Amino acid sequence: MLIGIDMDSVLNDLDVAWTAWIREKYDLTFTRDKMTTWITDDDFPQIPCKVTDFFHIPGIFGTFNPQPGSIAVTKQLTQDGHQLFVVTSAHYLWWADKGLWLRKHFPHIPSHNYITTYQKHLLNLDVLVDDGLHNLVAFRGHKIIFDAPWNRRVPDELKGNTRRALDWSDVQRIIAHITACQQMAEAIPSGSSGTFCKA
């Protein structure tokens, strides 16, 4: 299958680093669990600077850690014959650091499979793994929500046609289920009636 994987807070731990930076700079009580929406400067009116200044720290996108389990699972998915694509909505000034980070931590994903776009729903992929609900709404393939505090209020458009992965072992399990369902469907002769598992 063709599997698209978001980068920030899915392959890397951007949110962990960002919340630590906010806690150090502005709010000692701030934790990741308080990010019930993708925060903006408007969420911190008491702060004279901008919390989004974090993204403009030179080289910041090269400093994050891989999500636990992400390297091992993506390697296994590649070995299982899936084609992996990193799909990220990145400002052009960040792309060099993101690309170098991917080459360092995920060399098994070819660099020609890096895609930067804010219109992920236009991609003809079988699966999309993303923490941003807005990226999944119009996507036509199998949708996997990578769990985070800001994506737990699922809009009606996504209810019933998405799976939630709490971690990378969940991602692996869900993709194995989708693959098995597709193989089952392909094995049933055309025109035959059958019961298909829903993924």
N, C-alpha and C. Protein backbone atom coordinates (compact mmCIF):
# COMPACT_ATOMS: atom_id res chain seq x y z
N MET A 1 0.83 -1.19 0.00
CA MET A 1 0.00 0.00 0.00
C MET A 1 0.87 1.25 0.00
N LEU A 2 0.28 2.34 -0.41
CA LEU A 2 0.93 3.64 -0.36
C LEU A 2 0.49 4.33 0.92
N ILE A 3 1.43 4.55 1.83
CA ILE A 3 1.11 5.05 3.16
C ILE A 3 1.75 6.41 3.37
N GLY A 4 0.91 7.42 3.60
CA GLY A 4 1.39 8.76 3.92
C GLY A 4 1.47 8.94 5.42
N ILE A 5 2.58 9.53 5.88
CA ILE A 5 2.80 9.72 7.31
C ILE A 5 3.17 11.17 7.57
N ASP A 6 2.41 11.81 8.42
CA ASP A 6 2.73 13.17 8.84
C ASP A 6 4.05 13.15 9.62
N MET A 7 4.70 14.30 9.66
CA MET A 7 6.00 14.36 10.32
C MET A 7 5.91 14.91 11.75
N ASP A 8 5.38 16.12 11.89
CA ASP A 8 5.42 16.80 13.18
C ASP A 8 4.41 16.21 14.16
N SER A 9 4.92 15.76 15.30
CA SER A 9 4.14 15.13 16.36
C SER A 9 3.59 13.76 15.97
N VAL A 10 4.10 13.21 14.86
CA VAL A 10 3.77 11.84 14.45
C VAL A 10 5.07 11.05 14.31
N LEU A 11 5.96 11.50 13.45
CA LEU A 11 7.30 10.90 13.38
C LEU A 11 8.22 11.51 14.43
N ASN A 12 8.04 12.80 14.72
CA ASN A 12 8.90 13.44 15.72
C ASN A 12 8.08 13.88 16.93
N ASP A 13 8.78 14.43 17.94
CA ASP A 13 8.11 14.86 19.18
C ASP A 13 8.06 16.37 19.30
N LEU A 14 7.72 17.04 18.20
CA LEU A 14 7.64 18.50 18.19
C LEU A 14 6.83 19.03 19.36
N ASP A 15 5.67 18.43 19.63
CA ASP A 15 4.80 18.94 20.69
C ASP A 15 5.44 18.87 22.07
N VAL A 16 6.24 17.83 22.30
CA VAL A 16 6.93 17.68 23.58
C VAL A 16 7.96 18.81 23.75
N ALA A 17 8.73 19.06 22.70
CA ALA A 17 9.74 20.12 22.74
C ALA A 17 9.09 21.50 22.86
N TRP A 18 7.98 21.69 22.15
CA TRP A 18 7.31 23.00 22.16
C TRP A 18 6.72 23.30 23.54
N THR A 19 6.07 22.32 24.15
CA THR A 19 5.48 22.55 25.48
C THR A 19 6.58 22.79 26.52
N ALA A 20 7.70 22.11 26.38
CA ALA A 20 8.82 22.34 27.31
C ALA A 20 9.36 23.76 27.16
N TRP A 21 9.41 24.25 25.93
CA TRP A 21 9.89 25.60 25.66
C TRP A 21 8.93 26.64 26.23
N ILE A 22 7.61 26.43 26.05
CA ILE A 22 6.61 27.33 26.62
C ILE A 22 6.71 27.34 28.14
N ARG A 23 6.89 26.16 28.72
CA ARG A 23 6.99 26.05 30.18
C ARG A 23 8.22 26.81 30.70
N GLU A 24 9.32 26.67 29.99
CA GLU A 24 10.56 27.33 30.41
C GLU A 24 10.49 28.84 30.23
N LYS A 25 9.89 29.28 29.13
CA LYS A 25 9.90 30.71 28.80
C LYS A 25 8.78 31.50 29.47
N TYR A 26 7.57 30.89 29.57
CA TYR A 26 6.40 31.70 29.88
C TYR A 26 5.50 31.18 31.00
N ASP A 27 5.32 29.88 31.07
CA ASP A 27 4.28 29.35 31.95
C ASP A 27 4.76 28.04 32.56
N LEU A 28 5.16 28.09 33.84
CA LEU A 28 5.72 26.92 34.50
C LEU A 28 4.71 25.79 34.66
N THR A 29 3.43 26.11 34.55
CA THR A 29 2.39 25.10 34.77
C THR A 29 1.90 24.46 33.47
N PHE A 30 2.43 24.92 32.33
CA PHE A 30 1.91 24.43 31.05
C PHE A 30 2.38 23.01 30.78
N THR A 31 1.44 22.14 30.36
CA THR A 31 1.77 20.76 30.00
C THR A 31 1.13 20.42 28.66
N ARG A 32 1.59 19.34 28.06
CA ARG A 32 1.07 18.90 26.76
C ARG A 32 -0.43 18.64 26.82
N ASP A 33 -0.94 18.14 27.94
CA ASP A 33 -2.36 17.82 28.06
C ASP A 33 -3.24 19.05 27.95
N LYS A 34 -2.67 20.24 28.14
CA LYS A 34 -3.45 21.47 28.02
C LYS A 34 -3.62 21.91 26.57
N MET A 35 -2.96 21.22 25.66
CA MET A 35 -3.08 21.57 24.24
C MET A 35 -4.30 20.89 23.64
N THR A 36 -5.48 21.30 24.10
CA THR A 36 -6.71 20.68 23.61
C THR A 36 -7.09 21.17 22.22
N THR A 37 -6.45 22.24 21.77
CA THR A 37 -6.49 22.66 20.38
C THR A 37 -5.06 22.95 19.98
N TRP A 38 -4.81 23.04 18.67
CA TRP A 38 -3.45 23.40 18.23
C TRP A 38 -3.26 24.87 18.58
N ILE A 39 -2.43 25.15 19.59
CA ILE A 39 -2.40 26.48 20.20
C ILE A 39 -1.83 27.54 19.26
N THR A 40 -2.29 28.75 19.50
CA THR A 40 -1.83 29.91 18.74
C THR A 40 -1.44 31.00 19.72
N ASP A 41 -0.92 32.08 19.22
CA ASP A 41 -0.54 33.20 20.08
C ASP A 41 -1.74 33.75 20.86
N ASP A 42 -2.94 33.64 20.28
CA ASP A 42 -4.14 34.15 20.93
C ASP A 42 -4.47 33.40 22.22
N ASP A 43 -3.94 32.19 22.37
CA ASP A 43 -4.19 31.42 23.58
C ASP A 43 -3.37 31.90 24.77
N PHE A 44 -2.42 32.79 24.52
CA PHE A 44 -1.56 33.31 25.57
C PHE A 44 -1.53 34.84 25.52
N PRO A 45 -2.67 35.49 25.78
CA PRO A 45 -2.71 36.94 25.67
C PRO A 45 -1.82 37.65 26.69
N GLN A 46 -1.46 36.94 27.78
CA GLN A 46 -0.66 37.55 28.81
C GLN A 46 0.84 37.59 28.46
N ILE A 47 1.21 36.93 27.36
CA ILE A 47 2.61 36.82 26.99
C ILE A 47 2.96 37.90 25.97
N PRO A 48 3.97 38.72 26.26
CA PRO A 48 4.32 39.79 25.32
C PRO A 48 4.91 39.28 24.00
N CYS A 49 5.62 38.16 24.06
CA CYS A 49 6.18 37.57 22.84
C CYS A 49 5.18 36.54 22.29
N LYS A 50 5.54 35.90 21.22
CA LYS A 50 4.65 34.93 20.59
C LYS A 50 5.12 33.51 20.88
N VAL A 51 4.19 32.63 21.25
CA VAL A 51 4.57 31.24 21.49
C VAL A 51 4.99 30.56 20.19
N THR A 52 4.50 31.09 19.06
CA THR A 52 4.89 30.52 17.78
C THR A 52 6.30 30.95 17.34
N ASP A 53 6.94 31.81 18.14
CA ASP A 53 8.35 32.15 17.86
C ASP A 53 9.22 30.89 17.92
N PHE A 54 8.74 29.89 18.64
CA PHE A 54 9.46 28.62 18.74
C PHE A 54 9.83 28.07 17.37
N PHE A 55 8.90 28.19 16.41
CA PHE A 55 9.11 27.61 15.09
C PHE A 55 10.14 28.38 14.26
N HIS A 56 10.52 29.55 14.74
CA HIS A 56 11.49 30.37 14.01
C HIS A 56 12.87 30.34 14.64
N ILE A 57 13.06 29.47 15.64
CA ILE A 57 14.40 29.27 16.20
C ILE A 57 15.24 28.58 15.13
N PRO A 58 16.36 29.15 14.74
CA PRO A 58 17.18 28.54 13.67
C PRO A 58 17.51 27.09 13.97
N GLY A 59 17.22 26.22 13.02
CA GLY A 59 17.57 24.80 13.14
C GLY A 59 16.68 23.98 14.05
N ILE A 60 15.58 24.55 14.55
CA ILE A 60 14.76 23.85 15.55
C ILE A 60 14.21 22.52 15.04
N PHE A 61 13.89 22.45 13.75
CA PHE A 61 13.29 21.23 13.21
C PHE A 61 14.29 20.08 13.08
N GLY A 62 15.54 20.38 13.30
CA GLY A 62 16.54 19.32 13.29
C GLY A 62 16.87 18.78 14.66
N THR A 63 16.19 19.29 15.70
CA THR A 63 16.56 18.94 17.08
C THR A 63 15.61 17.97 17.75
N PHE A 64 14.47 17.67 17.13
CA PHE A 64 13.47 16.84 17.80
C PHE A 64 13.89 15.37 17.85
N ASN A 65 13.26 14.64 18.76
CA ASN A 65 13.49 13.20 18.86
C ASN A 65 12.44 12.45 18.05
N PRO A 66 12.77 11.27 17.55
CA PRO A 66 11.75 10.44 16.90
C PRO A 66 10.72 9.98 17.93
N GLN A 67 9.48 9.83 17.49
CA GLN A 67 8.45 9.26 18.36
C GLN A 67 8.85 7.83 18.73
N PRO A 68 8.62 7.43 19.98
CA PRO A 68 8.93 6.05 20.38
C PRO A 68 8.27 5.04 19.44
N GLY A 69 9.06 4.12 18.95
CA GLY A 69 8.54 3.05 18.09
C GLY A 69 8.45 3.41 16.62
N SER A 70 8.58 4.69 16.27
CA SER A 70 8.37 5.10 14.88
C SER A 70 9.42 4.53 13.92
N ILE A 71 10.66 4.47 14.36
CA ILE A 71 11.71 3.96 13.47
C ILE A 71 11.51 2.46 13.21
N ALA A 72 11.30 1.70 14.27
CA ALA A 72 11.15 0.25 14.11
C ALA A 72 9.93 -0.11 13.28
N VAL A 73 8.81 0.57 13.52
CA VAL A 73 7.58 0.24 12.81
C VAL A 73 7.68 0.64 11.34
N THR A 74 8.21 1.82 11.04
CA THR A 74 8.33 2.22 9.64
C THR A 74 9.31 1.32 8.88
N LYS A 75 10.35 0.86 9.55
CA LYS A 75 11.26 -0.11 8.92
C LYS A 75 10.51 -1.39 8.58
N GLN A 76 9.70 -1.87 9.52
CA GLN A 76 8.96 -3.11 9.29
C GLN A 76 7.93 -2.94 8.18
N LEU A 77 7.26 -1.80 8.15
CA LEU A 77 6.28 -1.56 7.08
C LEU A 77 6.97 -1.56 5.71
N THR A 78 8.15 -1.00 5.65
CA THR A 78 8.92 -1.02 4.40
C THR A 78 9.29 -2.45 4.02
N GLN A 79 9.73 -3.22 4.99
CA GLN A 79 10.10 -4.62 4.73
C GLN A 79 8.88 -5.44 4.32
N ASP A 80 7.71 -5.04 4.78
CA ASP A 80 6.48 -5.75 4.42
C ASP A 80 6.00 -5.40 3.01
N GLY A 81 6.71 -4.48 2.36
CA GLY A 81 6.38 -4.15 0.97
C GLY A 81 5.57 -2.89 0.77
N HIS A 82 5.28 -2.17 1.84
CA HIS A 82 4.55 -0.91 1.71
C HIS A 82 5.49 0.20 1.26
N GLN A 83 4.94 1.16 0.51
CA GLN A 83 5.70 2.35 0.15
C GLN A 83 5.31 3.48 1.10
N LEU A 84 6.30 4.06 1.77
CA LEU A 84 6.04 5.10 2.75
C LEU A 84 6.38 6.47 2.19
N PHE A 85 5.52 7.43 2.47
CA PHE A 85 5.71 8.81 2.06
C PHE A 85 5.58 9.70 3.29
N VAL A 86 6.54 10.58 3.49
CA VAL A 86 6.43 11.58 4.55
C VAL A 86 5.72 12.78 3.98
N VAL A 87 4.57 13.12 4.56
CA VAL A 87 3.72 14.20 4.04
C VAL A 87 3.61 15.27 5.12
N THR A 88 4.23 16.41 4.90
CA THR A 88 4.26 17.45 5.91
C THR A 88 3.90 18.81 5.32
N SER A 89 3.16 19.59 6.10
CA SER A 89 2.82 20.96 5.67
C SER A 89 3.87 21.90 6.26
N ALA A 90 4.93 22.10 5.51
CA ALA A 90 6.08 22.83 6.02
C ALA A 90 6.32 24.13 5.26
N HIS A 91 6.62 25.17 6.01
CA HIS A 91 7.10 26.41 5.40
C HIS A 91 8.41 26.12 4.69
N TYR A 92 8.64 26.78 3.57
CA TYR A 92 9.83 26.45 2.78
C TYR A 92 11.13 26.71 3.54
N LEU A 93 11.13 27.59 4.53
CA LEU A 93 12.34 27.86 5.30
C LEU A 93 12.71 26.71 6.23
N TRP A 94 11.76 25.82 6.51
CA TRP A 94 12.00 24.71 7.43
C TRP A 94 12.39 23.42 6.71
N TRP A 95 12.21 23.39 5.40
CA TRP A 95 12.30 22.11 4.71
C TRP A 95 13.69 21.49 4.75
N ALA A 96 14.74 22.29 4.66
CA ALA A 96 16.10 21.73 4.68
C ALA A 96 16.35 20.99 5.99
N ASP A 97 15.99 21.61 7.11
CA ASP A 97 16.20 20.97 8.41
C ASP A 97 15.35 19.70 8.55
N LYS A 98 14.13 19.78 8.03
CA LYS A 98 13.27 18.59 8.10
C LYS A 98 13.84 17.44 7.26
N GLY A 99 14.31 17.76 6.07
CA GLY A 99 14.87 16.73 5.21
C GLY A 99 16.11 16.08 5.80
N LEU A 100 16.99 16.89 6.38
CA LEU A 100 18.20 16.34 7.00
C LEU A 100 17.85 15.49 8.21
N TRP A 101 16.84 15.90 8.97
CA TRP A 101 16.41 15.12 10.13
C TRP A 101 15.87 13.76 9.68
N LEU A 102 15.09 13.75 8.62
CA LEU A 102 14.55 12.49 8.10
C LEU A 102 15.65 11.58 7.60
N ARG A 103 16.62 12.12 6.91
CA ARG A 103 17.73 11.30 6.40
C ARG A 103 18.50 10.68 7.55
N LYS A 104 18.62 11.41 8.66
CA LYS A 104 19.35 10.91 9.83
C LYS A 104 18.60 9.79 10.53
N HIS A 105 17.31 9.98 10.77
CA HIS A 105 16.55 9.04 11.60
C HIS A 105 15.76 8.00 10.81
N PHE A 106 15.39 8.32 9.56
CA PHE A 106 14.56 7.43 8.76
C PHE A 106 15.18 7.22 7.36
N PRO A 107 16.42 6.75 7.30
CA PRO A 107 17.07 6.57 6.00
C PRO A 107 16.39 5.52 5.13
N HIS A 108 15.54 4.68 5.74
CA HIS A 108 14.84 3.64 4.99
C HIS A 108 13.65 4.21 4.20
N ILE A 109 13.29 5.47 4.45
CA ILE A 109 12.26 6.13 3.63
C ILE A 109 12.99 6.99 2.60
N PRO A 110 12.85 6.68 1.31
CA PRO A 110 13.60 7.41 0.27
C PRO A 110 13.29 8.91 0.28
N SER A 111 14.31 9.71 0.05
CA SER A 111 14.10 11.16 0.07
C SER A 111 13.15 11.63 -1.03
N HIS A 112 13.06 10.85 -2.13
CA HIS A 112 12.10 11.26 -3.17
C HIS A 112 10.66 10.97 -2.76
N ASN A 113 10.47 10.39 -1.57
CA ASN A 113 9.13 10.18 -1.03
C ASN A 113 8.78 11.20 0.05
N TYR A 114 9.53 12.30 0.10
CA TYR A 114 9.17 13.41 0.99
C TYR A 114 8.26 14.37 0.21
N ILE A 115 7.12 14.68 0.78
CA ILE A 115 6.16 15.56 0.12
C ILE A 115 5.79 16.68 1.09
N THR A 116 5.92 17.91 0.63
CA THR A 116 5.47 19.04 1.44
C THR A 116 4.26 19.68 0.78
N THR A 117 3.15 19.71 1.51
CA THR A 117 1.91 20.27 0.98
C THR A 117 0.95 20.57 2.12
N TYR A 118 0.14 21.59 1.94
CA TYR A 118 -0.93 21.89 2.88
C TYR A 118 -2.25 21.26 2.40
N GLN A 119 -2.20 20.57 1.27
CA GLN A 119 -3.40 19.97 0.67
C GLN A 119 -3.24 18.45 0.61
N LYS A 120 -3.14 17.82 1.75
CA LYS A 120 -2.85 16.39 1.80
C LYS A 120 -3.97 15.55 1.21
N HIS A 121 -5.18 16.06 1.22
CA HIS A 121 -6.31 15.29 0.71
C HIS A 121 -6.23 15.06 -0.80
N LEU A 122 -5.38 15.83 -1.49
CA LEU A 122 -5.24 15.67 -2.93
C LEU A 122 -4.35 14.49 -3.31
N LEU A 123 -3.63 13.94 -2.35
CA LEU A 123 -2.69 12.86 -2.64
C LEU A 123 -3.42 11.53 -2.79
N ASN A 124 -3.02 10.77 -3.78
CA ASN A 124 -3.65 9.48 -4.07
C ASN A 124 -2.95 8.37 -3.27
N LEU A 125 -3.19 8.38 -1.97
CA LEU A 125 -2.59 7.41 -1.06
C LEU A 125 -3.65 6.45 -0.54
N ASP A 126 -3.21 5.28 -0.11
CA ASP A 126 -4.15 4.32 0.47
C ASP A 126 -4.46 4.64 1.93
N VAL A 127 -3.45 5.16 2.64
CA VAL A 127 -3.56 5.41 4.08
C VAL A 127 -2.89 6.75 4.39
N LEU A 128 -3.47 7.49 5.33
CA LEU A 128 -2.83 8.69 5.85
C LEU A 128 -2.84 8.63 7.37
N VAL A 129 -1.64 8.75 7.96
CA VAL A 129 -1.48 8.79 9.42
C VAL A 129 -1.17 10.24 9.79
N ASP A 130 -2.04 10.87 10.58
CA ASP A 130 -1.88 12.30 10.84
C ASP A 130 -2.48 12.65 12.20
N ASP A 131 -1.93 13.67 12.84
CA ASP A 131 -2.51 14.15 14.10
C ASP A 131 -3.47 15.31 13.87
N GLY A 132 -3.48 15.85 12.65
CA GLY A 132 -4.35 16.98 12.33
C GLY A 132 -5.66 16.51 11.73
N LEU A 133 -6.75 16.70 12.45
CA LEU A 133 -8.05 16.25 11.95
C LEU A 133 -8.41 16.93 10.63
N HIS A 134 -8.01 18.19 10.48
CA HIS A 134 -8.33 18.93 9.25
C HIS A 134 -7.69 18.29 8.03
N ASN A 135 -6.58 17.58 8.22
CA ASN A 135 -5.92 16.90 7.10
C ASN A 135 -6.64 15.62 6.69
N LEU A 136 -7.42 15.07 7.60
CA LEU A 136 -8.07 13.78 7.35
C LEU A 136 -9.49 13.91 6.81
N VAL A 137 -10.14 15.03 7.06
CA VAL A 137 -11.56 15.16 6.72
C VAL A 137 -11.84 14.85 5.25
N ALA A 138 -11.08 15.47 4.35
CA ALA A 138 -11.36 15.30 2.91
C ALA A 138 -10.53 14.19 2.27
N PHE A 139 -9.67 13.55 3.06
CA PHE A 139 -8.84 12.47 2.51
C PHE A 139 -9.71 11.27 2.18
N ARG A 140 -9.48 10.65 1.01
CA ARG A 140 -10.38 9.60 0.53
C ARG A 140 -9.96 8.18 0.91
N GLY A 141 -8.74 8.01 1.41
CA GLY A 141 -8.28 6.67 1.76
C GLY A 141 -8.57 6.33 3.22
N HIS A 142 -7.84 5.35 3.74
CA HIS A 142 -7.98 4.95 5.13
C HIS A 142 -7.33 6.01 6.02
N LYS A 143 -8.05 6.42 7.07
CA LYS A 143 -7.62 7.53 7.92
C LYS A 143 -7.24 7.02 9.30
N ILE A 144 -6.02 7.33 9.71
CA ILE A 144 -5.55 6.96 11.04
C ILE A 144 -5.19 8.24 11.80
N ILE A 145 -5.91 8.48 12.90
CA ILE A 145 -5.62 9.63 13.75
C ILE A 145 -4.52 9.23 14.73
N PHE A 146 -3.40 9.94 14.68
CA PHE A 146 -2.34 9.69 15.66
C PHE A 146 -2.69 10.52 16.90
N ASP A 147 -3.00 9.84 17.98
CA ASP A 147 -3.62 10.45 19.15
C ASP A 147 -2.80 11.61 19.74
N ALA A 148 -3.51 12.68 20.07
CA ALA A 148 -2.94 13.85 20.74
C ALA A 148 -4.07 14.59 21.43
N PRO A 149 -3.79 15.38 22.45
CA PRO A 149 -4.86 16.10 23.16
C PRO A 149 -5.70 16.98 22.25
N TRP A 150 -5.09 17.54 21.19
CA TRP A 150 -5.82 18.48 20.33
C TRP A 150 -6.70 17.80 19.27
N ASN A 151 -6.69 16.46 19.21
CA ASN A 151 -7.53 15.82 18.18
C ASN A 151 -8.57 14.86 18.77
N ARG A 152 -8.90 15.04 20.02
CA ARG A 152 -9.83 14.10 20.66
C ARG A 152 -11.29 14.49 20.48
N ARG A 153 -11.55 15.69 19.99
CA ARG A 153 -12.92 16.08 19.65
C ARG A 153 -13.09 15.87 18.15
N VAL A 154 -13.55 14.72 17.81
CA VAL A 154 -13.62 14.32 16.40
C VAL A 154 -14.87 14.90 15.75
N PRO A 155 -14.73 15.61 14.63
CA PRO A 155 -15.91 16.16 13.95
C PRO A 155 -16.78 15.05 13.37
N ASP A 156 -18.05 15.36 13.14
CA ASP A 156 -18.99 14.36 12.63
C ASP A 156 -18.50 13.72 11.33
N GLU A 157 -17.81 14.51 10.49
CA GLU A 157 -17.36 13.99 9.20
C GLU A 157 -16.38 12.82 9.34
N LEU A 158 -15.72 12.73 10.49
CA LEU A 158 -14.72 11.67 10.68
C LEU A 158 -15.22 10.52 11.55
N LYS A 159 -16.37 10.69 12.17
CA LYS A 159 -16.87 9.63 13.05
C LYS A 159 -17.29 8.42 12.23
N GLY A 160 -16.78 7.27 12.61
CA GLY A 160 -17.16 6.03 11.94
C GLY A 160 -16.27 5.63 10.79
N ASN A 161 -15.39 6.53 10.33
CA ASN A 161 -14.53 6.16 9.19
C ASN A 161 -13.06 6.43 9.46
N THR A 162 -12.70 6.46 10.74
CA THR A 162 -11.29 6.62 11.11
C THR A 162 -10.93 5.62 12.20
N ARG A 163 -9.65 5.39 12.33
CA ARG A 163 -9.13 4.61 13.45
C ARG A 163 -8.17 5.50 14.23
N ARG A 164 -8.12 5.34 15.54
CA ARG A 164 -7.23 6.12 16.38
C ARG A 164 -6.06 5.25 16.84
N ALA A 165 -4.85 5.74 16.62
CA ALA A 165 -3.65 5.04 17.06
C ALA A 165 -3.08 5.78 18.28
N LEU A 166 -2.95 5.08 19.38
CA LEU A 166 -2.40 5.70 20.59
C LEU A 166 -0.88 5.79 20.54
N ASP A 167 -0.28 4.93 19.74
CA ASP A 167 1.18 4.93 19.60
C ASP A 167 1.53 4.21 18.30
N TRP A 168 2.82 4.00 18.06
CA TRP A 168 3.23 3.40 16.79
C TRP A 168 2.93 1.90 16.70
N SER A 169 2.82 1.23 17.83
CA SER A 169 2.41 -0.18 17.75
C SER A 169 0.97 -0.27 17.29
N ASP A 170 0.14 0.71 17.67
CA ASP A 170 -1.24 0.77 17.18
C ASP A 170 -1.28 1.03 15.68
N VAL A 171 -0.41 1.93 15.20
CA VAL A 171 -0.34 2.19 13.76
C VAL A 171 -0.04 0.90 13.01
N GLN A 172 0.92 0.14 13.50
CA GLN A 172 1.30 -1.12 12.86
C GLN A 172 0.13 -2.10 12.85
N ARG A 173 -0.58 -2.20 13.97
CA ARG A 173 -1.71 -3.12 14.07
C ARG A 173 -2.83 -2.73 13.10
N ILE A 174 -3.14 -1.43 13.03
CA ILE A 174 -4.23 -0.97 12.18
C ILE A 174 -3.90 -1.20 10.71
N ILE A 175 -2.65 -0.92 10.32
CA ILE A 175 -2.26 -1.13 8.93
C ILE A 175 -2.29 -2.61 8.58
N ALA A 176 -1.89 -3.47 9.51
CA ALA A 176 -1.96 -4.91 9.27
C ALA A 176 -3.42 -5.34 9.06
N HIS A 177 -4.34 -4.75 9.81
CA HIS A 177 -5.76 -5.05 9.67
C HIS A 177 -6.28 -4.60 8.30
N ILE A 178 -5.92 -3.39 7.90
CA ILE A 178 -6.34 -2.88 6.59
C ILE A 178 -5.80 -3.77 5.47
N THR A 179 -4.54 -4.16 5.59
CA THR A 179 -3.92 -5.02 4.57
C THR A 179 -4.64 -6.36 4.48
N ALA A 180 -4.95 -6.96 5.62
CA ALA A 180 -5.65 -8.24 5.63
C ALA A 180 -7.03 -8.12 5.01
N CYS A 181 -7.72 -7.02 5.29
CA CYS A 181 -9.05 -6.81 4.71
C CYS A 181 -8.98 -6.68 3.20
N GLN A 182 -7.98 -5.95 2.71
CA GLN A 182 -7.83 -5.79 1.27
C GLN A 182 -7.52 -7.12 0.60
N GLN A 183 -6.67 -7.92 1.22
CA GLN A 183 -6.33 -9.23 0.66
C GLN A 183 -7.55 -10.15 0.64
N MET A 184 -8.38 -10.05 1.68
CA MET A 184 -9.59 -10.85 1.74
C MET A 184 -10.56 -10.44 0.62
N ALA A 185 -10.69 -9.14 0.42
CA ALA A 185 -11.60 -8.65 -0.62
C ALA A 185 -11.13 -9.07 -2.00
N GLU A 186 -9.82 -9.03 -2.22
CA GLU A 186 -9.27 -9.41 -3.53
C GLU A 186 -9.43 -10.90 -3.80
N ALA A 187 -9.50 -11.70 -2.73
CA ALA A 187 -9.61 -13.15 -2.90
C ALA A 187 -11.01 -13.61 -3.23
N ILE A 188 -12.00 -12.74 -3.00
CA ILE A 188 -13.39 -13.11 -3.27
C ILE A 188 -13.69 -12.83 -4.74
N PRO A 189 -14.20 -13.80 -5.49
CA PRO A 189 -14.48 -13.61 -6.92
C PRO A 189 -15.43 -12.44 -7.16
N SER A 190 -15.23 -11.78 -8.26
CA SER A 190 -16.09 -10.66 -8.64
C SER A 190 -17.54 -11.11 -8.76
N GLY A 191 -18.44 -10.34 -8.18
CA GLY A 191 -19.86 -10.67 -8.24
C GLY A 191 -20.34 -11.51 -7.08
N SER A 192 -19.38 -12.04 -6.28
CA SER A 192 -19.79 -12.84 -5.13
C SER A 192 -20.18 -11.94 -3.98
N SER A 193 -21.07 -12.43 -3.14
CA SER A 193 -21.42 -11.67 -1.93
C SER A 193 -20.47 -12.10 -0.84
N GLY A 194 -20.15 -11.16 0.03
CA GLY A 194 -19.23 -11.47 1.12
C GLY A 194 -19.27 -10.40 2.17
N THR A 195 -18.77 -10.76 3.32
CA THR A 195 -18.71 -9.81 4.43
C THR A 195 -17.27 -9.30 4.55
N PHE A 196 -17.12 -7.99 4.51
CA PHE A 196 -15.80 -7.39 4.56
C PHE A 196 -15.60 -6.70 5.91
N CYS A 197 -14.40 -6.86 6.46
CA CYS A 197 -14.12 -6.15 7.71
C CYS A 197 -13.94 -4.67 7.40
N LYS A 198 -14.35 -3.85 8.33
CA LYS A 198 -14.32 -2.41 8.12
C LYS A 198 -13.06 -1.83 8.75
N ALA A 199 -12.33 -1.01 8.00
CA ALA A 199 -11.12 -0.41 8.54
C ALA A 199 -11.18 1.07 8.38
